[in-house]
Protein backbone atom coordinates (compact mmCIF):
# COMPACT_ATOMS: atom_id res chain seq x y z
CA UNK A 1 -18.53 -1.84 43.53
CA UNK A 2 -15.28 0.00 43.48
CA UNK A 3 -13.57 -2.93 42.78
CA UNK A 4 -15.62 -3.88 39.71
CA UNK A 5 -15.27 -0.30 38.60
CA UNK A 6 -11.56 -0.01 38.93
CA UNK A 7 -11.40 -3.75 37.00
CA UNK A 8 -13.58 -1.87 34.27
CA UNK A 9 -11.38 1.26 34.17
CA UNK A 10 -8.00 -1.02 33.90
CA UNK A 11 -9.60 -3.01 31.30
CA UNK A 12 -10.68 0.13 29.02
CA UNK A 13 -7.10 1.50 29.44
CA UNK A 14 -5.15 -1.42 28.41
CA UNK A 15 -7.66 -1.77 25.03
CA UNK A 16 -7.27 1.86 24.50
CA UNK A 17 -3.23 1.07 24.28
CA UNK A 18 -3.48 -1.80 22.35
CA UNK A 19 -5.55 -0.21 19.56
CA UNK A 20 -3.14 2.59 19.79
CA UNK A 21 -0.22 0.41 19.29
CA UNK A 22 -1.78 -1.77 16.53
CA UNK A 23 -2.77 1.75 14.54
CA UNK A 24 0.91 2.66 14.66
CA UNK A 25 1.91 -0.68 12.89
CA UNK A 26 -0.32 0.03 9.90
CA UNK A 27 0.82 2.23 7.35
CA UNK A 28 -1.18 5.41 6.01
CA UNK A 29 -1.94 5.47 2.77
CA UNK A 30 -0.08 8.33 1.77
CA UNK A 31 2.76 6.58 3.16
CA UNK A 32 2.17 3.62 1.10
CA UNK A 33 1.99 6.07 -1.71
CA UNK A 34 5.53 7.37 -1.42
CA UNK A 35 6.88 4.06 -1.00
CA UNK A 36 5.30 2.25 -4.13
CA UNK A 37 6.05 6.21 -6.00
CA UNK A 38 9.85 5.81 -4.85
CA UNK A 39 10.12 1.58 -5.66
CA UNK A 40 8.56 2.18 -9.46
CA UNK A 41 10.26 5.11 -10.20
CA UNK A 42 13.77 3.91 -9.15
CA UNK A 43 13.56 0.83 -11.05
CA UNK A 44 15.07 0.60 -14.68
CA UNK A 45 13.26 -1.96 -15.85
CA UNK A 46 9.72 -0.30 -14.98
CA UNK A 47 10.83 3.17 -15.45
CA UNK A 48 7.70 4.18 -13.30
CA UNK A 49 7.81 8.01 -13.63
CA UNK A 50 5.09 8.60 -15.62
CA UNK A 51 2.75 6.01 -14.23
CA UNK A 52 -0.38 6.36 -12.04
CA UNK A 53 -0.53 5.33 -8.35
CA UNK A 54 -3.79 5.43 -6.41
CA UNK A 55 -4.11 3.83 -2.61
CA UNK A 56 -7.43 3.38 -1.06
CA UNK A 57 -7.22 1.38 2.51
CA UNK A 58 -3.93 -0.60 1.50
CA UNK A 59 -5.29 -1.37 -1.61
CA UNK A 60 -2.76 -0.02 -4.56
CA UNK A 61 -4.26 0.64 -7.90
CA UNK A 62 -1.29 0.98 -10.99
CA UNK A 63 -2.55 2.97 -14.24
CA UNK A 64 -0.09 3.87 -16.80
CA UNK A 65 1.69 2.13 -19.94
CA UNK A 66 5.17 0.19 -19.62
CA UNK A 67 7.06 -0.69 -22.69
CA UNK A 68 6.84 -4.59 -22.01
CA UNK A 69 4.98 -7.08 -19.90
CA UNK A 70 8.15 -7.88 -17.73
CA UNK A 71 7.94 -4.33 -16.71
CA UNK A 72 4.02 -4.69 -15.84
CA UNK A 73 4.41 -7.76 -13.81
CA UNK A 74 7.70 -6.04 -12.11
CA UNK A 75 5.75 -2.89 -11.23
CA UNK A 76 3.16 -5.43 -9.42
CA UNK A 77 5.70 -7.05 -7.51
CA UNK A 78 7.62 -4.27 -6.36
CA UNK A 79 3.94 -2.46 -4.88
CA UNK A 80 3.06 -6.11 -3.38
CA UNK A 81 6.48 -5.56 -1.16
CA UNK A 82 5.49 -2.36 0.20
CA UNK A 83 4.65 -2.84 3.99
CA UNK A 84 1.05 -2.20 4.52
CA UNK A 85 -0.45 -2.92 0.95
CA UNK A 86 -3.09 -5.72 1.10
CA UNK A 87 -3.71 -6.12 -2.42
CA UNK A 88 -2.52 -4.56 -6.01
CA UNK A 89 -4.83 -3.57 -8.82
CA UNK A 90 -2.93 -3.60 -11.65
CA UNK A 91 -4.27 -1.76 -14.59
CA UNK A 92 -0.92 -1.15 -16.25
CA UNK A 93 -1.33 -1.74 -20.00
CA UNK A 94 2.10 -2.78 -22.49
CA UNK A 95 2.83 -0.19 -24.93
CA UNK A 96 3.03 -3.38 -27.86
CA UNK A 97 -0.65 -4.51 -26.78
CA UNK A 98 -2.64 -1.32 -27.10
CA UNK A 99 -4.85 -0.80 -29.93
CA UNK A 100 -4.32 1.50 -32.73
């Protein structure tokens, strides 16, 4: 009986260690937000300073306006490259396609 309890305790300790390590591998939404913002702001084509970035459970939502479709696509590509991003919801609008 003591052997069984010892084995169960050892398994619980091992499982908790594995889950703690895997939790550290994933990026938090705040870290993802910071990295996406850095990439968007530093890109000369996207000029992402005025864009809104939201992150929920690794899903990035981009909002705002950009000058060209190419910048819209590049913003999505930059966000997808950030470690921890599971998906990108690109709601960016191109200025030339906005209704008057």
